[in-house]
Amino acid sequence: MHWSTIIATAIPERMFIQIIKAGILDTIQDAGRYGYQHLGINPGGAMDRYAMRIANLLTGNDPDEALIEMHFPAPVFLFHEPGLLAIAGADFSPSINGEPIPILHPVIVQKNDVLQFHRPVKGTRAYMSFRGGLELTSWLGSHSTHLKAEAGGYQGRALQKGDQLSFRQKATAALSSASATQRVLPWWADTVFDDSSDDRIAVLPGQEWNELTTDSKELFTEKPFIITKQSDRMGYRLLNDPLFCKQPMEMISSAVCFGTLQLLPEGKLILLMADHQTTGGYPRIAHVISAHHSRLAQSTAGDALHFRFTDMVEAEHLQIKQQQHLSQLQNACTFRLEAFLKS
């Protein structure tokens, strides 16, 4: 069926965005669900929270506003109301009505516009924010989709063909009356906050790091770790030269977090991601610093990860630089958006 046929179909009064072709795994996510780990409910949330916040700030939203996390192949969207969107994270070659649009810019959509994605250029996960946010029901204080619990997000599941999403607020006159030449607003976001040329993933030593043999410690920093196809939002299984402890270990399950590297009995590593379990019984040899979680989220099967050790001083320094970058972006976008919407 051609898109024009779908557009001509009768539209329910309350529907503003329609999924007319589903993607591979696209969910509603925000900054996560905290305070329930003691009950076995993990925080979840966006895999790349840095990209999530950039997309939100470009549309004038709170940085932790719920949005759509997309993988490639990504969905096709039909808009039934004007709005303002922004895409950050991965570049999947987006277009509106066949005309390419850039990522990292605010973009105006009008009624009957069709947004689709053509090919992956860079990155693994894209984030699309809508000014004012989406009309959603929260679960335990968050809108993030918890797939195993079938709760949160949109009916607790990935988006499917025919799903209908509503904007939380109507478009302003400035958006509704914008011409085709005004579709892409002229300001954009720079995603670089760290000017270092080192592309290795920085880690802090885990509780059981010193249980590794000397040879295993050397392998960890000298050899690459390949992300396998047996990887998902829960964790990345890594292909690596086996690492070993000095002696077999039996551990009581202990708390784990996003970025924890656990050593499996056969010597392979698993890198925990956003939907990780709340506790684990394997040795925790290292933890990826928060400022490098975005690098992990934009990696995919076949990519090689190289690790380096750092200290808490650098970890905090990079986290502060990232937050300062976001704060500056928020101030700039708020100023530009207010001026545009009043024009």
C-alpha atoms as a PDB file:
ATOM      1  CA  MET A   1       0.000   0.000   0.000  1.00  0.00           C
ATOM      2  CA  HIS A   2       1.376   3.424  -0.961  1.00  0.00           C
ATOM      3  CA  TRP A   3       1.800   6.099   1.737  1.00  0.00           C
ATOM      4  CA  SER A   4      -0.725   8.365  -0.035  1.00  0.00           C
ATOM      5  CA  THR A   5      -3.392   5.682   0.368  1.00  0.00           C
ATOM      6  CA  ILE A   6      -2.711   5.543   4.099  1.00  0.00           C
ATOM      7  CA  ILE A   7      -2.891   9.334   4.364  1.00  0.00           C
ATOM      8  CA  ALA A   8      -6.304   9.308   2.733  1.00  0.00           C
ATOM      9  CA  THR A   9      -7.651   6.893   5.344  1.00  0.00           C
ATOM     10  CA  ALA A  10      -9.979   8.343   7.987  1.00  0.00           C
ATOM     11  CA  ILE A  11      -7.932   9.565  10.956  1.00  0.00           C
ATOM     12  CA  PRO A  12      -9.162   9.303  14.556  1.00  0.00           C
ATOM     13  CA  GLU A  13      -9.517  12.734  16.141  1.00  0.00           C
ATOM     14  CA  ARG A  14      -6.980  12.098  18.922  1.00  0.00           C
ATOM     15  CA  MET A  15      -4.214  10.552  16.796  1.00  0.00           C
ATOM     16  CA  PHE A  16      -1.203  12.729  15.947  1.00  0.00           C
ATOM     17  CA  ILE A  17       1.562  10.281  14.990  1.00  0.00           C
ATOM     18  CA  GLN A  18       1.054   6.893  13.373  1.00  0.00           C
ATOM     19  CA  ILE A  19       3.557   4.083  12.867  1.00  0.00           C
ATOM     20  CA  ILE A  20       2.942   2.966   9.281  1.00  0.00           C
ATOM     21  CA  LYS A  21       5.883   0.558   9.174  1.00  0.00           C
ATOM     22  CA  ALA A  22       7.475  -1.017  12.237  1.00  0.00           C
ATOM     23  CA  GLY A  23      11.199  -1.053  12.917  1.00  0.00           C
ATOM     24  CA  ILE A  24      13.291  -3.869  14.357  1.00  0.00           C
ATOM     25  CA  LEU A  25      13.120  -2.809  18.038  1.00  0.00           C
ATOM     26  CA  ASP A  26      11.835   0.662  18.829  1.00  0.00           C
ATOM     27  CA  THR A  27      10.680   1.606  22.308  1.00  0.00           C
ATOM     28  CA  ILE A  28       9.784   4.545  24.497  1.00  0.00           C
ATOM     29  CA  GLN A  29      12.633   5.338  26.877  1.00  0.00           C
ATOM     30  CA  ASP A  30      13.633   8.009  29.371  1.00  0.00           C
ATOM     31  CA  ALA A  31      16.410   8.311  31.971  1.00  0.00           C
ATOM     32  CA  GLY A  32      15.280   5.155  33.783  1.00  0.00           C
ATOM     33  CA  ARG A  33      13.337   3.841  36.757  1.00  0.00           C
ATOM     34  CA  TYR A  34      15.129   4.123  40.089  1.00  0.00           C
ATOM     35  CA  GLY A  35      14.338   3.078  43.632  1.00  0.00           C
ATOM     36  CA  TYR A  36      13.087  -0.454  42.916  1.00  0.00           C
ATOM     37  CA  GLN A  37      16.270  -2.471  42.469  1.00  0.00           C
ATOM     38  CA  HIS A  38      15.751  -4.087  45.861  1.00  0.00           C
ATOM     39  CA  LEU A  39      12.574  -5.564  44.363  1.00  0.00           C
ATOM     40  CA  GLY A  40      14.417  -6.907  41.330  1.00  0.00           C
ATOM     41  CA  ILE A  41      13.225  -4.125  38.987  1.00  0.00           C
ATOM     42  CA  ASN A  42      16.172  -2.709  37.096  1.00  0.00           C
ATOM     43  CA  PRO A  43      16.452   0.982  36.125  1.00  0.00           C
ATOM     44  CA  GLY A  44      16.338   0.335  32.369  1.00  0.00           C
ATOM     45  CA  GLY A  45      16.025   3.552  30.378  1.00  0.00           C
ATOM     46  CA  ALA A  46      17.767   4.753  27.244  1.00  0.00           C
ATOM     47  CA  MET A  47      20.932   2.923  26.245  1.00  0.00           C
ATOM     48  CA  ASP A  48      22.549   6.221  25.200  1.00  0.00           C
ATOM     49  CA  ARG A  49      21.380   8.806  27.726  1.00  0.00           C
ATOM     50  CA  TYR A  50      23.777  11.408  26.374  1.00  0.00           C
ATOM     51  CA  ALA A  51      22.169  11.236  22.905  1.00  0.00           C
ATOM     52  CA  MET A  52      18.714  11.109  24.525  1.00  0.00           C
ATOM     53  CA  ARG A  53      19.398  14.370  26.368  1.00  0.00           C
ATOM     54  CA  ILE A  54      20.786  16.087  23.275  1.00  0.00           C
ATOM     55  CA  ALA A  55      17.639  15.215  21.284  1.00  0.00           C
ATOM     56  CA  ASN A  56      15.426  16.539  24.087  1.00  0.00           C
ATOM     57  CA  LEU A  57      17.356  19.780  24.509  1.00  0.00           C
ATOM     58  CA  LEU A  58      17.141  20.510  20.776  1.00  0.00           C
ATOM     59  CA  THR A  59      13.332  20.521  21.055  1.00  0.00           C
ATOM     60  CA  GLY A  60      13.255  22.516  24.291  1.00  0.00           C
ATOM     61  CA  ASN A  61      12.249  19.571  26.485  1.00  0.00           C
ATOM     62  CA  ASP A  62      13.487  18.532  29.890  1.00  0.00           C
ATOM     63  CA  PRO A  63      16.663  16.503  29.176  1.00  0.00           C
ATOM     64  CA  ASP A  64      15.148  13.345  30.669  1.00  0.00           C
ATOM     65  CA  GLU A  65      11.813  13.549  28.798  1.00  0.00           C
ATOM     66  CA  ALA A  66      10.591  10.250  27.317  1.00  0.00           C
ATOM     67  CA  LEU A  67      11.279   9.792  23.614  1.00  0.00           C
ATOM     68  CA  ILE A  68      11.677   7.039  21.004  1.00  0.00           C
ATOM     69  CA  GLU A  69      14.797   4.854  20.905  1.00  0.00           C
ATOM     70  CA  MET A  70      15.264   3.360  17.428  1.00  0.00           C
ATOM     71  CA  HIS A  71      17.425   0.716  15.793  1.00  0.00           C
ATOM     72  CA  PHE A  72      17.884   0.051  12.094  1.00  0.00           C
ATOM     73  CA  PRO A  73      15.715  -0.848  10.191  1.00  0.00           C
ATOM     74  CA  ALA A  74      13.775   1.978  11.836  1.00  0.00           C
ATOM     75  CA  PRO A  75      10.036   2.750  11.674  1.00  0.00           C
ATOM     76  CA  VAL A  76       8.198   4.928   9.172  1.00  0.00           C
ATOM     77  CA  PHE A  77       6.111   7.682  10.794  1.00  0.00           C
ATOM     78  CA  LEU A  78       3.096   9.576   9.464  1.00  0.00           C
ATOM     79  CA  PHE A  79       2.273  12.887  11.166  1.00  0.00           C
ATOM     80  CA  HIS A  80      -1.289  14.131  11.490  1.00  0.00           C
ATOM     81  CA  GLU A  81      -0.402  17.323  13.333  1.00  0.00           C
ATOM     82  CA  PRO A  82       2.452  19.835  13.046  1.00  0.00           C
ATOM     83  CA  GLY A  83       5.287  19.491  15.527  1.00  0.00           C
ATOM     84  CA  LEU A  84       8.961  19.952  16.206  1.00  0.00           C
ATOM     85  CA  LEU A  85      11.304  16.973  16.401  1.00  0.00           C
ATOM     86  CA  ALA A  86      15.023  16.309  16.729  1.00  0.00           C
ATOM     87  CA  ILE A  87      17.089  13.161  16.141  1.00  0.00           C
ATOM     88  CA  ALA A  88      20.370  12.445  17.924  1.00  0.00           C
ATOM     89  CA  GLY A  89      22.646   9.472  18.366  1.00  0.00           C
ATOM     90  CA  ALA A  90      22.934   7.232  15.315  1.00  0.00           C
ATOM     91  CA  ASP A  91      22.528   8.596  11.786  1.00  0.00           C
ATOM     92  CA  PHE A  92      20.071   6.428   9.828  1.00  0.00           C
ATOM     93  CA  SER A  93      19.736   8.827   6.846  1.00  0.00           C
ATOM     94  CA  PRO A  94      16.321  10.316   7.766  1.00  0.00           C
ATOM     95  CA  SER A  95      14.075  12.002   5.221  1.00  0.00           C
ATOM     96  CA  ILE A  96      10.706  13.739   5.230  1.00  0.00           C
ATOM     97  CA  ASN A  97       8.586  13.165   2.128  1.00  0.00           C
ATOM     98  CA  GLY A  98      11.727  11.888   0.409  1.00  0.00           C
ATOM     99  CA  GLU A  99      13.819  14.982   1.198  1.00  0.00           C
ATOM    100  CA  PRO A 100      16.873  14.306   3.416  1.00  0.00           C
ATOM    101  CA  ILE A 101      16.961  16.001   6.821  1.00  0.00           C
ATOM    102  CA  PRO A 102      19.960  16.274   9.146  1.00  0.00           C
ATOM    103  CA  ILE A 103      20.270  14.823  12.603  1.00  0.00           C
ATOM    104  CA  LEU A 104      21.225  17.078  15.559  1.00  0.00           C
ATOM    105  CA  HIS A 105      18.962  19.894  14.281  1.00  0.00           C
ATOM    106  CA  PRO A 106      15.410  20.867  15.322  1.00  0.00           C
ATOM    107  CA  VAL A 107      13.115  19.947  12.416  1.00  0.00           C
ATOM    108  CA  ILE A 108       9.523  21.092  11.811  1.00  0.00           C
ATOM    109  CA  VAL A 109       6.986  18.539  10.580  1.00  0.00           C
ATOM    110  CA  GLN A 110       3.576  19.373   9.129  1.00  0.00           C
ATOM    111  CA  LYS A 111       0.331  17.445   8.754  1.00  0.00           C
ATOM    112  CA  ASN A 112       0.644  14.439   6.389  1.00  0.00           C
ATOM    113  CA  ASP A 113       4.456  14.469   6.465  1.00  0.00           C
ATOM    114  CA  VAL A 114       6.100  11.030   6.234  1.00  0.00           C
ATOM    115  CA  LEU A 115       9.375  10.455   8.072  1.00  0.00           C
ATOM    116  CA  GLN A 116      11.487   7.440   7.186  1.00  0.00           C
ATOM    117  CA  PHE A 117      15.067   6.199   7.539  1.00  0.00           C
ATOM    118  CA  HIS A 118      17.055   4.784   4.625  1.00  0.00           C
ATOM    119  CA  ARG A 119      20.422   3.368   5.685  1.00  0.00           C
ATOM    120  CA  PRO A 120      22.708   3.277   8.714  1.00  0.00           C
ATOM    121  CA  VAL A 121      25.584   5.747   8.310  1.00  0.00           C
ATOM    122  CA  LYS A 122      27.017   5.839  11.820  1.00  0.00           C
ATOM    123  CA  GLY A 123      26.025   4.509  15.206  1.00  0.00           C
ATOM    124  CA  THR A 124      23.563   1.905  16.438  1.00  0.00           C
ATOM    125  CA  ARG A 125      20.768   3.703  18.305  1.00  0.00           C
ATOM    126  CA  ALA A 126      18.929   6.868  17.295  1.00  0.00           C
ATOM    127  CA  TYR A 127      16.753   8.989  19.587  1.00  0.00           C
ATOM    128  CA  MET A 128      13.808  11.075  18.402  1.00  0.00           C
ATOM    129  CA  SER A 129      12.337  13.754  20.642  1.00  0.00           C
ATOM    130  CA  PHE A 130       9.131  15.751  20.120  1.00  0.00           C
ATOM    131  CA  ARG A 131       8.635  19.220  21.541  1.00  0.00           C
ATOM    132  CA  GLY A 132       6.352  19.011  24.574  1.00  0.00           C
ATOM    133  CA  GLY A 133       6.782  15.246  24.840  1.00  0.00           C
ATOM    134  CA  LEU A 134       4.384  12.390  24.190  1.00  0.00           C
ATOM    135  CA  GLU A 135       1.145  11.504  25.964  1.00  0.00           C
ATOM    136  CA  LEU A 136       2.141   8.448  28.001  1.00  0.00           C
ATOM    137  CA  THR A 137       1.274   6.641  31.222  1.00  0.00           C
ATOM    138  CA  SER A 138       4.123   6.211  33.704  1.00  0.00           C
ATOM    139  CA  TRP A 139       4.912   3.043  35.640  1.00  0.00           C
ATOM    140  CA  LEU A 140       6.780   3.345  38.939  1.00  0.00           C
ATOM    141  CA  GLY A 141       7.733   6.905  38.170  1.00  0.00           C
ATOM    142  CA  SER A 142       9.156   6.343  34.683  1.00  0.00           C
ATOM    143  CA  HIS A 143       7.941   6.091  31.079  1.00  0.00           C
ATOM    144  CA  SER A 144      10.725   3.693  30.057  1.00  0.00           C
ATOM    145  CA  THR A 145       9.577   0.462  28.440  1.00  0.00           C
ATOM    146  CA  HIS A 146      10.273  -2.588  30.606  1.00  0.00           C
ATOM    147  CA  LEU A 147       9.947  -5.381  28.047  1.00  0.00           C
ATOM    148  CA  LYS A 148      10.115  -8.302  30.491  1.00  0.00           C
ATOM    149  CA  ALA A 149       7.528  -6.825  32.844  1.00  0.00           C
ATOM    150  CA  GLU A 150       5.443  -5.634  29.850  1.00  0.00           C
ATOM    151  CA  ALA A 151       5.001  -2.278  31.548  1.00  0.00           C
ATOM    152  CA  GLY A 152       5.828   1.359  30.901  1.00  0.00           C
ATOM    153  CA  GLY A 153       6.381   3.038  27.554  1.00  0.00           C
ATOM    154  CA  TYR A 154       3.709   2.217  24.987  1.00  0.00           C
ATOM    155  CA  GLN A 155       1.676  -0.710  26.349  1.00  0.00           C
ATOM    156  CA  GLY A 156       4.873  -2.213  27.758  1.00  0.00           C
ATOM    157  CA  ARG A 157       6.179  -3.326  24.359  1.00  0.00           C
ATOM    158  CA  ALA A 158       8.096  -2.293  21.260  1.00  0.00           C
ATOM    159  CA  LEU A 159       6.288  -0.050  18.782  1.00  0.00           C
ATOM    160  CA  GLN A 160       4.328  -1.843  16.060  1.00  0.00           C
ATOM    161  CA  LYS A 161       2.664  -0.958  12.794  1.00  0.00           C
ATOM    162  CA  GLY A 162      -0.584   0.927  13.441  1.00  0.00           C
ATOM    163  CA  ASP A 163       0.420   2.278  16.857  1.00  0.00           C
ATOM    164  CA  GLN A 164      -0.756   5.812  17.567  1.00  0.00           C
ATOM    165  CA  LEU A 165       1.180   8.329  19.645  1.00  0.00           C
ATOM    166  CA  SER A 166      -0.112  11.716  20.715  1.00  0.00           C
ATOM    167  CA  PHE A 167       1.787  14.928  21.351  1.00  0.00           C
ATOM    168  CA  ARG A 168       1.275  16.198  24.877  1.00  0.00           C
ATOM    169  CA  GLN A 169       0.761  19.764  23.636  1.00  0.00           C
ATOM    170  CA  LYS A 170      -0.481  21.330  20.420  1.00  0.00           C
ATOM    171  CA  ALA A 171       1.933  22.995  18.024  1.00  0.00           C
ATOM    172  CA  THR A 172       2.318  26.765  18.279  1.00  0.00           C
ATOM    173  CA  ALA A 173       1.329  29.085  15.446  1.00  0.00           C
ATOM    174  CA  ALA A 174       4.995  29.525  14.516  1.00  0.00           C
ATOM    175  CA  LEU A 175       5.331  25.796  13.873  1.00  0.00           C
ATOM    176  CA  SER A 176       1.981  25.368  12.132  1.00  0.00           C
ATOM    177  CA  SER A 177       2.610  28.240   9.717  1.00  0.00           C
ATOM    178  CA  ALA A 178       6.256  27.457   8.944  1.00  0.00           C
ATOM    179  CA  SER A 179       7.050  27.187   5.246  1.00  0.00           C
ATOM    180  CA  ALA A 180       8.919  24.337   3.573  1.00  0.00           C
ATOM    181  CA  THR A 181      12.096  26.440   3.549  1.00  0.00           C
ATOM    182  CA  GLN A 182      11.876  26.716   7.345  1.00  0.00           C
ATOM    183  CA  ARG A 183      11.678  22.949   7.912  1.00  0.00           C
ATOM    184  CA  VAL A 184      15.216  22.588   9.319  1.00  0.00           C
ATOM    185  CA  LEU A 185      15.960  25.227  11.939  1.00  0.00           C
ATOM    186  CA  PRO A 186      19.481  26.648  11.598  1.00  0.00           C
ATOM    187  CA  TRP A 187      21.034  25.766  14.954  1.00  0.00           C
ATOM    188  CA  TRP A 188      22.508  22.380  15.761  1.00  0.00           C
ATOM    189  CA  ALA A 189      24.194  20.404  18.520  1.00  0.00           C
ATOM    190  CA  ASP A 190      27.846  19.484  18.767  1.00  0.00           C
ATOM    191  CA  THR A 191      28.127  16.106  20.484  1.00  0.00           C
ATOM    192  CA  VAL A 192      31.835  16.312  21.307  1.00  0.00           C
ATOM    193  CA  PHE A 193      32.573  17.134  24.943  1.00  0.00           C
ATOM    194  CA  ASP A 194      35.887  15.272  25.247  1.00  0.00           C
ATOM    195  CA  ASP A 195      38.679  16.478  22.954  1.00  0.00           C
ATOM    196  CA  SER A 196      40.865  13.454  23.668  1.00  0.00           C
ATOM    197  CA  SER A 197      41.961  11.374  20.664  1.00  0.00           C
ATOM    198  CA  ASP A 198      41.969   8.190  22.758  1.00  0.00           C
ATOM    199  CA  ASP A 199      39.097   5.995  21.576  1.00  0.00           C
ATOM    200  CA  ARG A 200      39.599   3.335  24.230  1.00  0.00           C
ATOM    201  CA  ILE A 201      36.845   2.669  26.780  1.00  0.00           C
ATOM    202  CA  ALA A 202      37.853   3.921  30.237  1.00  0.00           C
ATOM    203  CA  VAL A 203      37.160   1.625  33.180  1.00  0.00           C
ATOM    204  CA  LEU A 204      37.625   1.547  36.930  1.00  0.00           C
ATOM    205  CA  PRO A 205      38.787  -1.667  38.654  1.00  0.00           C
ATOM    206  CA  GLY A 206      36.013  -3.887  39.968  1.00  0.00           C
ATOM    207  CA  GLN A 207      35.756  -5.565  43.353  1.00  0.00           C
ATOM    208  CA  GLU A 208      37.280  -8.801  42.028  1.00  0.00           C
ATOM    209  CA  TRP A 209      39.939  -7.300  39.711  1.00  0.00           C
ATOM    210  CA  ASN A 210      42.793  -8.454  41.918  1.00  0.00           C
ATOM    211  CA  GLU A 211      41.490 -12.029  41.778  1.00  0.00           C
ATOM    212  CA  LEU A 212      42.661 -12.250  38.127  1.00  0.00           C
ATOM    213  CA  THR A 213      45.967 -13.841  37.228  1.00  0.00           C
ATOM    214  CA  THR A 214      48.793 -11.550  36.120  1.00  0.00           C
ATOM    215  CA  ASP A 215      48.532 -12.816  32.517  1.00  0.00           C
ATOM    216  CA  SER A 216      44.775 -12.139  32.475  1.00  0.00           C
ATOM    217  CA  LYS A 217      45.282  -8.591  33.731  1.00  0.00           C
ATOM    218  CA  GLU A 218      47.700  -7.951  30.880  1.00  0.00           C
ATOM    219  CA  LEU A 219      45.317  -9.426  28.298  1.00  0.00           C
ATOM    220  CA  PHE A 220      42.517  -7.166  29.509  1.00  0.00           C
ATOM    221  CA  THR A 221      44.322  -3.962  28.551  1.00  0.00           C
ATOM    222  CA  GLU A 222      46.311  -5.273  25.576  1.00  0.00           C
ATOM    223  CA  LYS A 223      43.799  -7.289  23.546  1.00  0.00           C
ATOM    224  CA  PRO A 224      40.552  -6.248  21.770  1.00  0.00           C
ATOM    225  CA  PHE A 225      37.146  -7.532  22.897  1.00  0.00           C
ATOM    226  CA  ILE A 226      34.667  -8.173  20.077  1.00  0.00           C
ATOM    227  CA  ILE A 227      30.929  -7.634  20.605  1.00  0.00           C
ATOM    228  CA  THR A 228      29.146 -10.826  19.518  1.00  0.00           C
ATOM    229  CA  LYS A 229      25.702 -11.254  17.989  1.00  0.00           C
ATOM    230  CA  GLN A 230      24.535 -12.669  21.343  1.00  0.00           C
ATOM    231  CA  SER A 231      24.147  -9.104  22.643  1.00  0.00           C
ATOM    232  CA  ASP A 232      21.114  -6.987  23.472  1.00  0.00           C
ATOM    233  CA  ARG A 233      19.864  -4.269  25.821  1.00  0.00           C
ATOM    234  CA  MET A 234      20.652  -6.522  28.808  1.00  0.00           C
ATOM    235  CA  GLY A 235      24.306  -7.000  27.979  1.00  0.00           C
ATOM    236  CA  TYR A 236      27.026  -7.445  25.376  1.00  0.00           C
ATOM    237  CA  ARG A 237      28.683 -10.859  25.255  1.00  0.00           C
ATOM    238  CA  LEU A 238      32.302 -10.338  24.283  1.00  0.00           C
ATOM    239  CA  LEU A 239      34.628 -12.556  22.302  1.00  0.00           C
ATOM    240  CA  ASN A 240      38.049 -12.474  23.896  1.00  0.00           C
ATOM    241  CA  ASP A 241      41.085 -14.517  24.874  1.00  0.00           C
ATOM    242  CA  PRO A 242      39.936 -16.280  28.051  1.00  0.00           C
ATOM    243  CA  LEU A 243      40.678 -14.565  31.350  1.00  0.00           C
ATOM    244  CA  PHE A 244      41.141 -16.562  34.528  1.00  0.00           C
ATOM    245  CA  CYS A 245      41.052 -16.037  38.268  1.00  0.00           C
ATOM    246  CA  LYS A 246      43.929 -17.255  40.435  1.00  0.00           C
ATOM    247  CA  GLN A 247      41.561 -19.831  41.882  1.00  0.00           C
ATOM    248  CA  PRO A 248      37.934 -20.851  41.300  1.00  0.00           C
ATOM    249  CA  MET A 249      35.493 -18.437  42.910  1.00  0.00           C
ATOM    250  CA  GLU A 250      32.043 -19.009  44.378  1.00  0.00           C
ATOM    251  CA  MET A 251      30.321 -15.705  44.972  1.00  0.00           C
ATOM    252  CA  ILE A 252      27.131 -14.567  46.633  1.00  0.00           C
ATOM    253  CA  SER A 253      25.099 -12.475  44.182  1.00  0.00           C
ATOM    254  CA  SER A 254      26.015  -8.818  44.534  1.00  0.00           C
ATOM    255  CA  ALA A 255      24.780  -5.547  43.067  1.00  0.00           C
ATOM    256  CA  VAL A 256      25.732  -4.723  39.472  1.00  0.00           C
ATOM    257  CA  CYS A 257      25.139  -1.700  37.276  1.00  0.00           C
ATOM    258  CA  PHE A 258      25.225  -0.387  33.713  1.00  0.00           C
ATOM    259  CA  GLY A 259      28.832  -0.814  32.561  1.00  0.00           C
ATOM    260  CA  THR A 260      29.832  -3.662  34.889  1.00  0.00           C
ATOM    261  CA  LEU A 261      32.156  -6.225  33.268  1.00  0.00           C
ATOM    262  CA  GLN A 262      31.493  -9.711  34.622  1.00  0.00           C
ATOM    263  CA  LEU A 263      33.797 -12.686  34.101  1.00  0.00           C
ATOM    264  CA  LEU A 264      31.921 -15.838  33.110  1.00  0.00           C
ATOM    265  CA  PRO A 265      33.150 -19.312  34.176  1.00  0.00           C
ATOM    266  CA  GLU A 266      34.580 -20.113  30.722  1.00  0.00           C
ATOM    267  CA  GLY A 267      36.742 -16.983  30.807  1.00  0.00           C
ATOM    268  CA  LYS A 268      34.611 -14.768  28.555  1.00  0.00           C
ATOM    269  CA  LEU A 269      33.246 -11.355  29.557  1.00  0.00           C
ATOM    270  CA  ILE A 270      29.746  -9.945  29.565  1.00  0.00           C
ATOM    271  CA  LEU A 271      29.319  -6.163  29.627  1.00  0.00           C
ATOM    272  CA  LEU A 272      26.072  -5.182  31.348  1.00  0.00           C
ATOM    273  CA  MET A 273      23.903  -2.598  29.588  1.00  0.00           C
ATOM    274  CA  ALA A 274      20.694  -0.660  30.340  1.00  0.00           C
ATOM    275  CA  ASP A 275      18.387  -3.643  30.967  1.00  0.00           C
ATOM    276  CA  HIS A 276      20.886  -5.510  33.159  1.00  0.00           C
ATOM    277  CA  GLN A 277      19.752  -7.648  36.077  1.00  0.00           C
ATOM    278  CA  THR A 278      19.957  -6.015  39.497  1.00  0.00           C
ATOM    279  CA  THR A 279      22.420  -8.543  40.974  1.00  0.00           C
ATOM    280  CA  GLY A 280      24.980 -10.983  39.613  1.00  0.00           C
ATOM    281  CA  GLY A 281      27.042 -13.876  40.918  1.00  0.00           C
ATOM    282  CA  TYR A 282      30.072 -13.585  38.632  1.00  0.00           C
ATOM    283  CA  PRO A 283      33.309 -11.712  39.409  1.00  0.00           C
ATOM    284  CA  ARG A 284      33.081  -7.990  38.625  1.00  0.00           C
ATOM    285  CA  ILE A 285      36.480  -7.207  37.189  1.00  0.00           C
ATOM    286  CA  ALA A 286      35.818  -3.628  36.006  1.00  0.00           C
ATOM    287  CA  HIS A 287      33.210  -0.904  35.497  1.00  0.00           C
ATOM    288  CA  VAL A 288      32.982   1.390  32.450  1.00  0.00           C
ATOM    289  CA  ILE A 289      32.854   5.041  33.527  1.00  0.00           C
ATOM    290  CA  SER A 290      29.513   6.807  33.015  1.00  0.00           C
ATOM    291  CA  ALA A 291      30.902   9.311  30.498  1.00  0.00           C
ATOM    292  CA  HIS A 292      31.733   6.424  28.136  1.00  0.00           C
ATOM    293  CA  HIS A 293      28.358   4.672  28.293  1.00  0.00           C
ATOM    294  CA  SER A 294      27.369   6.502  25.111  1.00  0.00           C
ATOM    295  CA  ARG A 295      30.300   4.903  23.259  1.00  0.00           C
ATOM    296  CA  LEU A 296      29.066   1.494  24.346  1.00  0.00           C
ATOM    297  CA  ALA A 297      25.496   2.203  23.299  1.00  0.00           C
ATOM    298  CA  GLN A 298      26.541   3.236  19.792  1.00  0.00           C
ATOM    299  CA  SER A 299      28.600   0.050  19.295  1.00  0.00           C
ATOM    300  CA  THR A 300      27.227  -3.094  17.679  1.00  0.00           C
ATOM    301  CA  ALA A 301      28.035  -6.730  16.908  1.00  0.00           C
ATOM    302  CA  GLY A 302      31.462  -7.048  15.314  1.00  0.00           C
ATOM    303  CA  ASP A 303      32.860  -3.875  16.860  1.00  0.00           C
ATOM    304  CA  ALA A 304      36.091  -4.164  18.851  1.00  0.00           C
ATOM    305  CA  LEU A 305      36.312  -2.608  22.307  1.00  0.00           C
ATOM    306  CA  HIS A 306      39.672  -1.664  23.778  1.00  0.00           C
ATOM    307  CA  PHE A 307      39.805  -0.951  27.517  1.00  0.00           C
ATOM    308  CA  ARG A 308      42.094   1.268  29.559  1.00  0.00           C
ATOM    309  CA  PHE A 309      42.152   1.906  33.280  1.00  0.00           C
ATOM    310  CA  THR A 310      41.547   5.334  34.721  1.00  0.00           C
ATOM    311  CA  ASP A 311      40.930   6.739  38.192  1.00  0.00           C
ATOM    312  CA  MET A 312      38.006   8.396  39.926  1.00  0.00           C
ATOM    313  CA  VAL A 313      39.454  11.857  39.298  1.00  0.00           C
ATOM    314  CA  GLU A 314      39.335  11.456  35.509  1.00  0.00           C
ATOM    315  CA  ALA A 315      35.956   9.686  35.647  1.00  0.00           C
ATOM    316  CA  GLU A 316      34.447  12.599  37.564  1.00  0.00           C
ATOM    317  CA  HIS A 317      36.207  15.154  35.333  1.00  0.00           C
ATOM    318  CA  LEU A 318      34.745  13.633  32.141  1.00  0.00           C
ATOM    319  CA  GLN A 319      31.289  13.352  33.708  1.00  0.00           C
ATOM    320  CA  ILE A 320      31.402  17.025  34.711  1.00  0.00           C
ATOM    321  CA  LYS A 321      32.551  18.047  31.214  1.00  0.00           C
ATOM    322  CA  GLN A 322      29.662  16.100  29.699  1.00  0.00           C
ATOM    323  CA  GLN A 323      27.142  17.760  32.007  1.00  0.00           C
ATOM    324  CA  GLN A 324      28.608  21.205  31.321  1.00  0.00           C
ATOM    325  CA  HIS A 325      28.297  20.571  27.591  1.00  0.00           C
ATOM    326  CA  LEU A 326      24.637  19.638  28.016  1.00  0.00           C
ATOM    327  CA  SER A 327      23.982  22.676  30.202  1.00  0.00           C
ATOM    328  CA  GLN A 328      25.472  25.008  27.578  1.00  0.00           C
ATOM    329  CA  LEU A 329      23.410  23.324  24.872  1.00  0.00           C
ATOM    330  CA  GLN A 330      20.250  23.710  26.947  1.00  0.00           C
ATOM    331  CA  ASN A 331      20.833  27.443  27.444  1.00  0.00           C
ATOM    332  CA  ALA A 332      21.564  28.011  23.750  1.00  0.00           C
ATOM    333  CA  CYS A 333      18.570  25.979  22.515  1.00  0.00           C
ATOM    334  CA  THR A 334      16.172  27.622  24.964  1.00  0.00           C
ATOM    335  CA  PHE A 335      17.254  31.076  23.773  1.00  0.00           C
ATOM    336  CA  ARG A 336      16.991  30.212  20.066  1.00  0.00           C
ATOM    337  CA  LEU A 337      13.669  28.380  20.391  1.00  0.00           C
ATOM    338  CA  GLU A 338      12.019  31.158  22.384  1.00  0.00           C
ATOM    339  CA  ALA A 339      13.086  33.709  19.779  1.00  0.00           C
ATOM    340  CA  PHE A 340      11.806  31.536  16.916  1.00  0.00           C
ATOM    341  CA  LEU A 341       8.447  30.716  18.521  1.00  0.00           C
ATOM    342  CA  LYS A 342       7.793  34.411  19.221  1.00  0.00           C
ATOM    343  CA  SER A 343       8.591  35.443  15.670  1.00  0.00           C
END
